[in-house]
Amino acid sequence: MMYVDAKIVTKPVLVIAFNRPDHLRVLLNRLEGLGISDLYVAVDGPRHVADESLVGQVRSMVEEIDWVENLYTNFQDTNLGCGRGVTAAISWFFDEVSEGIILEDDIVPDPSFFDFCSELLDRYMDDERVFAISGGNIVPSDYLEDPDASYRFAQITHVWGWATWRRSWDQHRLQIDDWYRTLPVGRLWESSGRSIPGLLFWAGNFEAIRRGLVDTWDWPMNLAAMKSGQLTATSNVNLVQNIGFDAQATHTTEGDSGLLPVEAARVPSRPVPVRKDRKAERWTRRNHWNATYLGTLDRLRKLVALKGEGR
């Protein structure tokens, strides 16, 4: 389906892909007809022989795109993995642009997602309190402080459909071996929602990365936002669908995304105070992250099991 009546997307768009041509086809079908001017596509290299055909299909699909004014590609010869691969893709993007919208290959946005991101990219371009913009929403309206507002501010950037500026991404460091020295305890306490289970949750996540038990790029990015005390403008209605919960996924191989049904963005929007929606933060901490005392014990057991496997 082509959304030929949608406004032209004036902000640069980055698509990050790997070995899922079926997912990428759905996304590209959605993007075609939106009037995207500058499209950047990064594709990681194959991990093994079985990946080569799938990665080849993805690259061929990208090379056949003829519906954007400017197409830029970055194809890796070897596999960099989740952490280094996505980091390299976004760093390449922001080497070329100062602001932009980012989609992974399994994220299918409502067309209004681009209007939402564009409006807030302009509104907060020079506001150092704001780290990023997110179109993915998991929090029911009953658990929002102002459910009639178009968006709220959150500590964590939900990266299933998001946007940011070079000024924010420049803070990202994939290697966080010194996280406990660079993030003051008081800042971690505040960023974790002034919650002991929340603090243990994020400290455990950062420590798992430091010890090489988890390979990801977004937790180090959120560490950067915590260190700087910056927040993410997050839509109060869900603007994206995640179609990637299957056996091909790196992390999301089972369950569901938890995203609410997709709605159109509430744009144009009225500005809201740049402060955390603590009601939404509490719901997210307990129901999405499972950052409770029992949840903390469960994660400790899983980390011990990973360490026992030598990961």
C-alpha atoms as a PDB file:
ATOM      1  CA  MET A   1       0.000   0.000   0.000  1.00  0.00           C
ATOM      2  CA  MET A   2       1.374   3.406  -0.949  1.00  0.00           C
ATOM      3  CA  TYR A   3       0.657   6.509   1.116  1.00  0.00           C
ATOM      4  CA  VAL A   4       0.776   8.980  -1.748  1.00  0.00           C
ATOM      5  CA  ASP A   5      -1.132  11.642   0.191  1.00  0.00           C
ATOM      6  CA  ALA A   6       1.398  11.794   3.025  1.00  0.00           C
ATOM      7  CA  LYS A   7       3.530  14.877   3.489  1.00  0.00           C
ATOM      8  CA  ILE A   8       7.015  14.781   2.034  1.00  0.00           C
ATOM      9  CA  VAL A   9       9.572  13.489   4.543  1.00  0.00           C
ATOM     10  CA  THR A  10      12.170  16.234   4.664  1.00  0.00           C
ATOM     11  CA  LYS A  11      14.382  14.746   7.388  1.00  0.00           C
ATOM     12  CA  PRO A  12      17.056  12.163   6.495  1.00  0.00           C
ATOM     13  CA  VAL A  13      16.007   8.564   7.243  1.00  0.00           C
ATOM     14  CA  LEU A  14      18.309   5.690   8.195  1.00  0.00           C
ATOM     15  CA  VAL A  15      17.199   2.072   7.732  1.00  0.00           C
ATOM     16  CA  ILE A  16      19.327  -0.589   9.452  1.00  0.00           C
ATOM     17  CA  ALA A  17      19.054  -4.082   7.958  1.00  0.00           C
ATOM     18  CA  PHE A  18      20.777  -7.450   8.036  1.00  0.00           C
ATOM     19  CA  ASN A  19      19.426 -10.836   6.898  1.00  0.00           C
ATOM     20  CA  ARG A  20      15.643 -10.498   6.871  1.00  0.00           C
ATOM     21  CA  PRO A  21      14.503  -9.648   3.341  1.00  0.00           C
ATOM     22  CA  ASP A  22      10.845 -10.377   4.128  1.00  0.00           C
ATOM     23  CA  HIS A  23      10.839  -7.857   6.977  1.00  0.00           C
ATOM     24  CA  LEU A  24      12.705  -5.261   4.943  1.00  0.00           C
ATOM     25  CA  ARG A  25      10.253  -5.628   2.061  1.00  0.00           C
ATOM     26  CA  VAL A  26       7.347  -4.739   4.361  1.00  0.00           C
ATOM     27  CA  LEU A  27       9.177  -1.669   5.626  1.00  0.00           C
ATOM     28  CA  LEU A  28      10.219  -0.475   2.170  1.00  0.00           C
ATOM     29  CA  ASN A  29       6.685  -0.927   0.886  1.00  0.00           C
ATOM     30  CA  ARG A  30       5.538   1.367   3.684  1.00  0.00           C
ATOM     31  CA  LEU A  31       8.229   3.958   2.953  1.00  0.00           C
ATOM     32  CA  GLU A  32       7.609   4.057  -0.780  1.00  0.00           C
ATOM     33  CA  GLY A  33       5.324   6.915  -1.665  1.00  0.00           C
ATOM     34  CA  LEU A  34       6.104   8.967   1.453  1.00  0.00           C
ATOM     35  CA  GLY A  35       8.257  11.383  -0.496  1.00  0.00           C
ATOM     36  CA  ILE A  36      11.503  10.606   1.329  1.00  0.00           C
ATOM     37  CA  SER A  37      14.285  12.786  -0.026  1.00  0.00           C
ATOM     38  CA  ASP A  38      17.382  11.308   1.620  1.00  0.00           C
ATOM     39  CA  LEU A  39      17.414   7.606   2.504  1.00  0.00           C
ATOM     40  CA  TYR A  40      20.420   5.946   4.113  1.00  0.00           C
ATOM     41  CA  VAL A  41      20.537   2.149   4.339  1.00  0.00           C
ATOM     42  CA  ALA A  42      23.132   0.202   6.318  1.00  0.00           C
ATOM     43  CA  VAL A  43      23.394  -3.585   5.985  1.00  0.00           C
ATOM     44  CA  ASP A  44      25.615  -5.734   8.203  1.00  0.00           C
ATOM     45  CA  GLY A  45      27.687  -8.540   6.672  1.00  0.00           C
ATOM     46  CA  PRO A  46      26.844 -12.276   6.876  1.00  0.00           C
ATOM     47  CA  ARG A  47      27.784 -14.229   9.984  1.00  0.00           C
ATOM     48  CA  HIS A  48      28.186 -17.528   8.143  1.00  0.00           C
ATOM     49  CA  VAL A  49      27.513 -19.224   4.801  1.00  0.00           C
ATOM     50  CA  ALA A  50      23.817 -19.658   5.565  1.00  0.00           C
ATOM     51  CA  ASP A  51      23.475 -15.858   5.867  1.00  0.00           C
ATOM     52  CA  GLU A  52      25.095 -15.036   2.533  1.00  0.00           C
ATOM     53  CA  SER A  53      22.017 -15.588   0.368  1.00  0.00           C
ATOM     54  CA  LEU A  54      19.717 -13.677   2.715  1.00  0.00           C
ATOM     55  CA  VAL A  55      22.113 -10.750   3.078  1.00  0.00           C
ATOM     56  CA  GLY A  56      22.514 -10.767  -0.705  1.00  0.00           C
ATOM     57  CA  GLN A  57      18.749 -10.535  -1.144  1.00  0.00           C
ATOM     58  CA  VAL A  58      18.626  -7.603   1.261  1.00  0.00           C
ATOM     59  CA  ARG A  59      21.375  -5.741  -0.582  1.00  0.00           C
ATOM     60  CA  SER A  60      19.762  -6.373  -3.966  1.00  0.00           C
ATOM     61  CA  MET A  61      16.449  -5.072  -2.654  1.00  0.00           C
ATOM     62  CA  VAL A  62      18.153  -1.905  -1.429  1.00  0.00           C
ATOM     63  CA  GLU A  63      19.996  -1.357  -4.707  1.00  0.00           C
ATOM     64  CA  GLU A  64      16.686  -1.534  -6.580  1.00  0.00           C
ATOM     65  CA  ILE A  65      15.172   1.396  -4.681  1.00  0.00           C
ATOM     66  CA  ASP A  66      14.276   4.069  -7.235  1.00  0.00           C
ATOM     67  CA  TRP A  67      11.679   6.101  -5.347  1.00  0.00           C
ATOM     68  CA  VAL A  68      13.929   8.427  -3.348  1.00  0.00           C
ATOM     69  CA  GLU A  69      15.809  11.456  -4.556  1.00  0.00           C
ATOM     70  CA  ASN A  70      19.052  10.452  -2.853  1.00  0.00           C
ATOM     71  CA  LEU A  71      19.979   6.908  -1.805  1.00  0.00           C
ATOM     72  CA  TYR A  72      23.104   6.215   0.248  1.00  0.00           C
ATOM     73  CA  THR A  73      24.271   2.718   1.185  1.00  0.00           C
ATOM     74  CA  ASN A  74      26.765   1.233   3.616  1.00  0.00           C
ATOM     75  CA  PHE A  75      27.269  -2.524   3.163  1.00  0.00           C
ATOM     76  CA  GLN A  76      29.625  -4.291   5.570  1.00  0.00           C
ATOM     77  CA  ASP A  77      31.851  -7.043   4.144  1.00  0.00           C
ATOM     78  CA  THR A  78      31.988  -8.931   7.448  1.00  0.00           C
ATOM     79  CA  ASN A  79      29.546  -9.274  10.301  1.00  0.00           C
ATOM     80  CA  LEU A  80      29.959  -6.716  13.065  1.00  0.00           C
ATOM     81  CA  GLY A  81      27.143  -8.021  15.260  1.00  0.00           C
ATOM     82  CA  CYS A  82      24.400  -6.223  17.134  1.00  0.00           C
ATOM     83  CA  GLY A  83      26.554  -3.887  19.197  1.00  0.00           C
ATOM     84  CA  ARG A  84      29.244  -2.867  16.718  1.00  0.00           C
ATOM     85  CA  GLY A  85      27.022  -3.220  13.644  1.00  0.00           C
ATOM     86  CA  VAL A  86      24.254  -0.863  14.709  1.00  0.00           C
ATOM     87  CA  THR A  87      26.758   1.524  16.272  1.00  0.00           C
ATOM     88  CA  ALA A  88      28.702   1.659  12.995  1.00  0.00           C
ATOM     89  CA  ALA A  89      25.498   2.244  11.013  1.00  0.00           C
ATOM     90  CA  ILE A  90      24.294   5.141  13.161  1.00  0.00           C
ATOM     91  CA  SER A  91      27.774   6.671  13.358  1.00  0.00           C
ATOM     92  CA  TRP A  92      28.007   6.553   9.543  1.00  0.00           C
ATOM     93  CA  PHE A  93      24.604   8.262   9.338  1.00  0.00           C
ATOM     94  CA  PHE A  94      25.590  11.081  11.679  1.00  0.00           C
ATOM     95  CA  ASP A  95      28.908  11.548   9.941  1.00  0.00           C
ATOM     96  CA  GLU A  96      26.750  12.735   7.034  1.00  0.00           C
ATOM     97  CA  VAL A  97      23.767  14.458   8.690  1.00  0.00           C
ATOM     98  CA  SER A  98      23.148  16.550  11.814  1.00  0.00           C
ATOM     99  CA  GLU A  99      19.708  15.100  12.590  1.00  0.00           C
ATOM    100  CA  GLY A 100      17.642  12.199  11.388  1.00  0.00           C
ATOM    101  CA  ILE A 101      15.083   9.430  11.820  1.00  0.00           C
ATOM    102  CA  ILE A 102      16.166   5.838  12.483  1.00  0.00           C
ATOM    103  CA  LEU A 103      14.323   2.588  11.719  1.00  0.00           C
ATOM    104  CA  GLU A 104      15.456  -1.000  11.995  1.00  0.00           C
ATOM    105  CA  ASP A 105      14.208  -3.405   9.339  1.00  0.00           C
ATOM    106  CA  ASP A 106      11.419  -4.866  11.490  1.00  0.00           C
ATOM    107  CA  ILE A 107       9.864  -1.534  12.502  1.00  0.00           C
ATOM    108  CA  VAL A 108       6.926  -0.423  10.351  1.00  0.00           C
ATOM    109  CA  PRO A 109       5.815   3.144  11.151  1.00  0.00           C
ATOM    110  CA  ASP A 110       2.518   4.882  10.636  1.00  0.00           C
ATOM    111  CA  PRO A 111       3.104   7.666   8.067  1.00  0.00           C
ATOM    112  CA  SER A 112       2.355  10.271  10.749  1.00  0.00           C
ATOM    113  CA  PHE A 113       5.419   9.040  12.654  1.00  0.00           C
ATOM    114  CA  PHE A 114       7.563  11.141  10.324  1.00  0.00           C
ATOM    115  CA  ASP A 115       5.542  14.304  10.975  1.00  0.00           C
ATOM    116  CA  PHE A 116       5.878  13.684  14.722  1.00  0.00           C
ATOM    117  CA  CYS A 117       9.642  13.192  14.544  1.00  0.00           C
ATOM    118  CA  SER A 118      10.165  16.149  12.209  1.00  0.00           C
ATOM    119  CA  GLU A 119       8.182  18.524  14.396  1.00  0.00           C
ATOM    120  CA  LEU A 120      10.092  17.600  17.552  1.00  0.00           C
ATOM    121  CA  LEU A 121      13.481  17.488  15.839  1.00  0.00           C
ATOM    122  CA  ASP A 122      12.903  21.126  14.932  1.00  0.00           C
ATOM    123  CA  ARG A 123      11.404  22.084  18.314  1.00  0.00           C
ATOM    124  CA  TYR A 124      14.241  20.667  20.416  1.00  0.00           C
ATOM    125  CA  MET A 125      17.145  21.029  18.006  1.00  0.00           C
ATOM    126  CA  ASP A 126      19.062  23.331  20.331  1.00  0.00           C
ATOM    127  CA  ASP A 127      17.573  22.181  23.640  1.00  0.00           C
ATOM    128  CA  GLU A 128      20.332  20.311  25.468  1.00  0.00           C
ATOM    129  CA  ARG A 129      17.789  18.852  27.902  1.00  0.00           C
ATOM    130  CA  VAL A 130      16.420  16.593  25.155  1.00  0.00           C
ATOM    131  CA  PHE A 131      18.360  13.554  23.995  1.00  0.00           C
ATOM    132  CA  ALA A 132      16.056  11.944  21.416  1.00  0.00           C
ATOM    133  CA  ILE A 133      12.501  11.360  20.162  1.00  0.00           C
ATOM    134  CA  SER A 134      10.643   8.040  20.204  1.00  0.00           C
ATOM    135  CA  GLY A 135       7.491   6.934  18.373  1.00  0.00           C
ATOM    136  CA  GLY A 136       7.055   3.618  20.167  1.00  0.00           C
ATOM    137  CA  ASN A 137       4.617   3.612  23.097  1.00  0.00           C
ATOM    138  CA  ILE A 138       3.933   0.755  25.491  1.00  0.00           C
ATOM    139  CA  VAL A 139       2.198   2.667  28.291  1.00  0.00           C
ATOM    140  CA  PRO A 140      -1.640   2.643  28.452  1.00  0.00           C
ATOM    141  CA  SER A 141      -3.249   6.071  28.652  1.00  0.00           C
ATOM    142  CA  ASP A 142      -4.515   5.426  32.200  1.00  0.00           C
ATOM    143  CA  TYR A 143      -0.908   5.423  33.364  1.00  0.00           C
ATOM    144  CA  LEU A 144       0.103   8.739  31.791  1.00  0.00           C
ATOM    145  CA  GLU A 145       0.181  11.978  33.770  1.00  0.00           C
ATOM    146  CA  ASP A 146      -1.318  13.892  30.831  1.00  0.00           C
ATOM    147  CA  PRO A 147      -2.980  11.401  28.438  1.00  0.00           C
ATOM    148  CA  ASP A 148      -4.352  14.223  26.276  1.00  0.00           C
ATOM    149  CA  ALA A 149      -0.870  15.499  25.449  1.00  0.00           C
ATOM    150  CA  SER A 150       0.815  14.387  22.241  1.00  0.00           C
ATOM    151  CA  TYR A 151       3.951  13.254  24.022  1.00  0.00           C
ATOM    152  CA  ARG A 152       5.745  12.982  27.338  1.00  0.00           C
ATOM    153  CA  PHE A 153       9.350  12.814  28.464  1.00  0.00           C
ATOM    154  CA  ALA A 154      11.028   9.568  29.499  1.00  0.00           C
ATOM    155  CA  GLN A 155      14.499   8.638  30.696  1.00  0.00           C
ATOM    156  CA  ILE A 156      14.943   5.708  28.321  1.00  0.00           C
ATOM    157  CA  THR A 157      14.877   6.020  24.531  1.00  0.00           C
ATOM    158  CA  HIS A 158      12.550   3.379  23.113  1.00  0.00           C
ATOM    159  CA  VAL A 159      14.452   2.617  19.903  1.00  0.00           C
ATOM    160  CA  TRP A 160      11.664   0.978  17.912  1.00  0.00           C
ATOM    161  CA  GLY A 161      11.271   3.995  15.651  1.00  0.00           C
ATOM    162  CA  TRP A 162      13.178   7.009  16.910  1.00  0.00           C
ATOM    163  CA  ALA A 163      15.056  10.148  15.944  1.00  0.00           C
ATOM    164  CA  THR A 164      17.890  12.217  17.337  1.00  0.00           C
ATOM    165  CA  TRP A 165      20.657  14.671  16.577  1.00  0.00           C
ATOM    166  CA  ARG A 166      24.385  14.284  16.021  1.00  0.00           C
ATOM    167  CA  ARG A 167      24.925  16.204  19.260  1.00  0.00           C
ATOM    168  CA  SER A 168      23.267  13.356  21.180  1.00  0.00           C
ATOM    169  CA  TRP A 169      24.812  10.446  19.294  1.00  0.00           C
ATOM    170  CA  ASP A 170      28.279  11.935  19.768  1.00  0.00           C
ATOM    171  CA  GLN A 171      27.949  11.037  23.459  1.00  0.00           C
ATOM    172  CA  HIS A 172      27.511   7.317  22.698  1.00  0.00           C
ATOM    173  CA  ARG A 173      30.344   4.948  23.583  1.00  0.00           C
ATOM    174  CA  LEU A 174      29.921   1.238  22.928  1.00  0.00           C
ATOM    175  CA  GLN A 175      32.650   0.322  25.412  1.00  0.00           C
ATOM    176  CA  ILE A 176      31.430   1.132  28.909  1.00  0.00           C
ATOM    177  CA  ASP A 177      34.076  -0.582  31.049  1.00  0.00           C
ATOM    178  CA  ASP A 178      34.226   2.487  33.289  1.00  0.00           C
ATOM    179  CA  TRP A 179      30.477   3.040  33.582  1.00  0.00           C
ATOM    180  CA  TYR A 180      30.478   2.838  37.391  1.00  0.00           C
ATOM    181  CA  ARG A 181      33.153   5.521  37.601  1.00  0.00           C
ATOM    182  CA  THR A 182      31.575   7.924  35.096  1.00  0.00           C
ATOM    183  CA  LEU A 183      27.938   7.671  36.225  1.00  0.00           C
ATOM    184  CA  PRO A 184      27.527   9.158  39.714  1.00  0.00           C
ATOM    185  CA  VAL A 185      25.360   7.104  42.061  1.00  0.00           C
ATOM    186  CA  GLY A 186      23.026  10.067  42.571  1.00  0.00           C
ATOM    187  CA  ARG A 187      22.479  10.408  38.820  1.00  0.00           C
ATOM    188  CA  LEU A 188      21.890   6.651  38.470  1.00  0.00           C
ATOM    189  CA  TRP A 189      19.385   6.806  41.357  1.00  0.00           C
ATOM    190  CA  GLU A 190      17.467   9.636  39.694  1.00  0.00           C
ATOM    191  CA  SER A 191      17.625   8.040  36.241  1.00  0.00           C
ATOM    192  CA  SER A 192      16.350   4.746  37.667  1.00  0.00           C
ATOM    193  CA  GLY A 193      13.212   6.375  39.024  1.00  0.00           C
ATOM    194  CA  ARG A 194      14.466   6.657  42.609  1.00  0.00           C
ATOM    195  CA  SER A 195      13.791   2.942  42.894  1.00  0.00           C
ATOM    196  CA  ILE A 196      16.101   0.313  44.380  1.00  0.00           C
ATOM    197  CA  PRO A 197      14.967  -2.400  41.908  1.00  0.00           C
ATOM    198  CA  GLY A 198      15.269   0.162  39.104  1.00  0.00           C
ATOM    199  CA  LEU A 199      18.802   1.045  40.158  1.00  0.00           C
ATOM    200  CA  LEU A 200      19.756  -2.627  40.369  1.00  0.00           C
ATOM    201  CA  PHE A 201      18.166  -3.251  36.963  1.00  0.00           C
ATOM    202  CA  TRP A 202      20.221  -0.632  35.146  1.00  0.00           C
ATOM    203  CA  ALA A 203      23.400  -1.259  37.103  1.00  0.00           C
ATOM    204  CA  GLY A 204      23.018  -4.954  36.253  1.00  0.00           C
ATOM    205  CA  ASN A 205      22.479  -4.184  32.573  1.00  0.00           C
ATOM    206  CA  PHE A 206      25.571  -2.006  32.358  1.00  0.00           C
ATOM    207  CA  GLU A 207      27.654  -4.528  34.270  1.00  0.00           C
ATOM    208  CA  ALA A 208      26.486  -7.345  31.968  1.00  0.00           C
ATOM    209  CA  ILE A 209      27.741  -5.364  28.986  1.00  0.00           C
ATOM    210  CA  ARG A 210      31.015  -4.542  30.725  1.00  0.00           C
ATOM    211  CA  ARG A 211      31.573  -8.255  31.395  1.00  0.00           C
ATOM    212  CA  GLY A 212      30.723  -9.217  27.805  1.00  0.00           C
ATOM    213  CA  LEU A 213      27.573 -11.143  28.743  1.00  0.00           C
ATOM    214  CA  VAL A 214      25.310  -9.041  26.509  1.00  0.00           C
ATOM    215  CA  ASP A 215      26.025  -7.569  23.066  1.00  0.00           C
ATOM    216  CA  THR A 216      23.869  -4.531  22.438  1.00  0.00           C
ATOM    217  CA  TRP A 217      24.200  -0.879  21.502  1.00  0.00           C
ATOM    218  CA  ASP A 218      21.119   0.781  23.008  1.00  0.00           C
ATOM    219  CA  TRP A 219      21.913   0.301  26.692  1.00  0.00           C
ATOM    220  CA  PRO A 220      25.251   2.117  26.287  1.00  0.00           C
ATOM    221  CA  MET A 221      23.340   4.876  24.488  1.00  0.00           C
ATOM    222  CA  ASN A 222      20.916   5.140  27.389  1.00  0.00           C
ATOM    223  CA  LEU A 223      23.888   5.245  29.745  1.00  0.00           C
ATOM    224  CA  ALA A 224      25.064   8.328  27.849  1.00  0.00           C
ATOM    225  CA  ALA A 225      21.673   9.998  28.342  1.00  0.00           C
ATOM    226  CA  MET A 226      21.711   9.130  32.053  1.00  0.00           C
ATOM    227  CA  LYS A 227      25.184  10.614  32.459  1.00  0.00           C
ATOM    228  CA  SER A 228      24.109  13.862  30.787  1.00  0.00           C
ATOM    229  CA  GLY A 229      20.704  13.956  32.509  1.00  0.00           C
ATOM    230  CA  GLN A 230      18.883  14.244  29.176  1.00  0.00           C
ATOM    231  CA  LEU A 231      15.387  12.931  28.399  1.00  0.00           C
ATOM    232  CA  THR A 232      13.548  11.500  25.387  1.00  0.00           C
ATOM    233  CA  ALA A 233      10.322  12.947  23.991  1.00  0.00           C
ATOM    234  CA  THR A 234       8.032   9.903  23.634  1.00  0.00           C
ATOM    235  CA  SER A 235       4.710   9.744  21.800  1.00  0.00           C
ATOM    236  CA  ASN A 236       1.679   9.161  24.035  1.00  0.00           C
ATOM    237  CA  VAL A 237       0.121   7.040  21.287  1.00  0.00           C
ATOM    238  CA  ASN A 238       1.972   4.244  19.562  1.00  0.00           C
ATOM    239  CA  LEU A 239       3.198   5.118  16.058  1.00  0.00           C
ATOM    240  CA  VAL A 240       5.028   1.921  15.066  1.00  0.00           C
ATOM    241  CA  GLN A 241       4.589  -1.820  14.643  1.00  0.00           C
ATOM    242  CA  ASN A 242       7.365  -4.301  15.433  1.00  0.00           C
ATOM    243  CA  ILE A 243       7.105  -7.314  13.112  1.00  0.00           C
ATOM    244  CA  GLY A 244      10.386  -8.841  14.259  1.00  0.00           C
ATOM    245  CA  PHE A 245       9.352 -11.167  17.063  1.00  0.00           C
ATOM    246  CA  ASP A 246      10.399 -14.427  15.431  1.00  0.00           C
ATOM    247  CA  ALA A 247      13.241 -16.964  15.300  1.00  0.00           C
ATOM    248  CA  GLN A 248      15.312 -14.687  13.012  1.00  0.00           C
ATOM    249  CA  ALA A 249      15.598 -11.932  15.595  1.00  0.00           C
ATOM    250  CA  THR A 250      18.756 -11.330  17.610  1.00  0.00           C
ATOM    251  CA  HIS A 251      17.071 -10.651  20.959  1.00  0.00           C
ATOM    252  CA  THR A 252      13.270 -10.717  20.424  1.00  0.00           C
ATOM    253  CA  THR A 253      12.773 -14.365  19.494  1.00  0.00           C
ATOM    254  CA  GLU A 254       9.614 -14.936  21.507  1.00  0.00           C
ATOM    255  CA  GLY A 255       6.694 -13.126  23.116  1.00  0.00           C
ATOM    256  CA  ASP A 256       5.375  -9.874  21.698  1.00  0.00           C
ATOM    257  CA  SER A 257       6.528  -6.286  21.522  1.00  0.00           C
ATOM    258  CA  GLY A 258       4.191  -4.913  24.174  1.00  0.00           C
ATOM    259  CA  LEU A 259       3.464  -1.978  21.876  1.00  0.00           C
ATOM    260  CA  LEU A 260      -0.058  -0.597  21.908  1.00  0.00           C
ATOM    261  CA  PRO A 261      -2.176  -0.625  18.712  1.00  0.00           C
ATOM    262  CA  VAL A 262      -0.886   1.818  16.114  1.00  0.00           C
ATOM    263  CA  GLU A 263      -2.571   5.220  15.944  1.00  0.00           C
ATOM    264  CA  ALA A 264      -1.887   8.405  14.023  1.00  0.00           C
ATOM    265  CA  ALA A 265       0.358  10.954  15.709  1.00  0.00           C
ATOM    266  CA  ARG A 266      -1.240  13.933  17.413  1.00  0.00           C
ATOM    267  CA  VAL A 267       0.380  16.628  15.306  1.00  0.00           C
ATOM    268  CA  PRO A 268       0.820  19.511  15.362  1.00  0.00           C
ATOM    269  CA  SER A 269       1.457  19.232  19.079  1.00  0.00           C
ATOM    270  CA  ARG A 270       1.616  21.664  21.961  1.00  0.00           C
ATOM    271  CA  PRO A 271       4.915  21.754  23.883  1.00  0.00           C
ATOM    272  CA  VAL A 272       4.965  19.951  27.233  1.00  0.00           C
ATOM    273  CA  PRO A 273       7.284  20.540  30.209  1.00  0.00           C
ATOM    274  CA  VAL A 274      10.698  18.902  29.840  1.00  0.00           C
ATOM    275  CA  ARG A 275      10.411  16.644  32.872  1.00  0.00           C
ATOM    276  CA  LYS A 276       9.862  12.934  33.330  1.00  0.00           C
ATOM    277  CA  ASP A 277       6.329  11.557  33.424  1.00  0.00           C
ATOM    278  CA  ARG A 278       6.910   9.659  36.670  1.00  0.00           C
ATOM    279  CA  LYS A 279       3.565   7.869  36.480  1.00  0.00           C
ATOM    280  CA  ALA A 280       4.502   6.404  33.084  1.00  0.00           C
ATOM    281  CA  GLU A 281       8.010   5.682  34.338  1.00  0.00           C
ATOM    282  CA  ARG A 282       6.646   3.603  37.238  1.00  0.00           C
ATOM    283  CA  TRP A 283       4.413   1.582  34.920  1.00  0.00           C
ATOM    284  CA  THR A 284       7.285   0.978  32.498  1.00  0.00           C
ATOM    285  CA  ARG A 285       9.684  -0.039  35.241  1.00  0.00           C
ATOM    286  CA  ARG A 286       7.299  -2.570  36.753  1.00  0.00           C
ATOM    287  CA  ASN A 287       5.471  -3.918  33.711  1.00  0.00           C
ATOM    288  CA  HIS A 288       7.929  -3.629  30.812  1.00  0.00           C
ATOM    289  CA  TRP A 289      11.357  -3.934  32.425  1.00  0.00           C
ATOM    290  CA  ASN A 290      10.133  -6.098  35.317  1.00  0.00           C
ATOM    291  CA  ALA A 291      12.407  -4.005  37.520  1.00  0.00           C
ATOM    292  CA  THR A 292      10.947  -5.329  40.760  1.00  0.00           C
ATOM    293  CA  TYR A 293      12.593  -7.198  43.632  1.00  0.00           C
ATOM    294  CA  LEU A 294      11.446 -10.560  42.218  1.00  0.00           C
ATOM    295  CA  GLY A 295      12.477  -9.509  38.742  1.00  0.00           C
ATOM    296  CA  THR A 296      15.925  -8.577  40.046  1.00  0.00           C
ATOM    297  CA  LEU A 297      16.388 -12.054  41.517  1.00  0.00           C
ATOM    298  CA  ASP A 298      15.325 -13.647  38.235  1.00  0.00           C
ATOM    299  CA  ARG A 299      17.828 -11.568  36.241  1.00  0.00           C
ATOM    300  CA  LEU A 300      20.616 -12.464  38.656  1.00  0.00           C
ATOM    301  CA  ARG A 301      19.894 -16.158  38.077  1.00  0.00           C
ATOM    302  CA  LYS A 302      20.003 -15.642  34.304  1.00  0.00           C
ATOM    303  CA  LEU A 303      23.286 -13.708  34.470  1.00  0.00           C
ATOM    304  CA  VAL A 304      24.859 -16.437  36.578  1.00  0.00           C
ATOM    305  CA  ALA A 305      23.714 -18.999  34.003  1.00  0.00           C
ATOM    306  CA  LEU A 306      25.240 -16.946  31.161  1.00  0.00           C
ATOM    307  CA  LYS A 307      28.517 -16.651  33.048  1.00  0.00           C
ATOM    308  CA  GLY A 308      28.486 -20.410  33.593  1.00  0.00           C
ATOM    309  CA  GLU A 309      28.121 -20.906  29.845  1.00  0.00           C
ATOM    310  CA  GLY A 310      31.234 -18.809  29.307  1.00  0.00           C
ATOM    311  CA  ARG A 311      29.441 -15.979  27.573  1.00  0.00           C
END
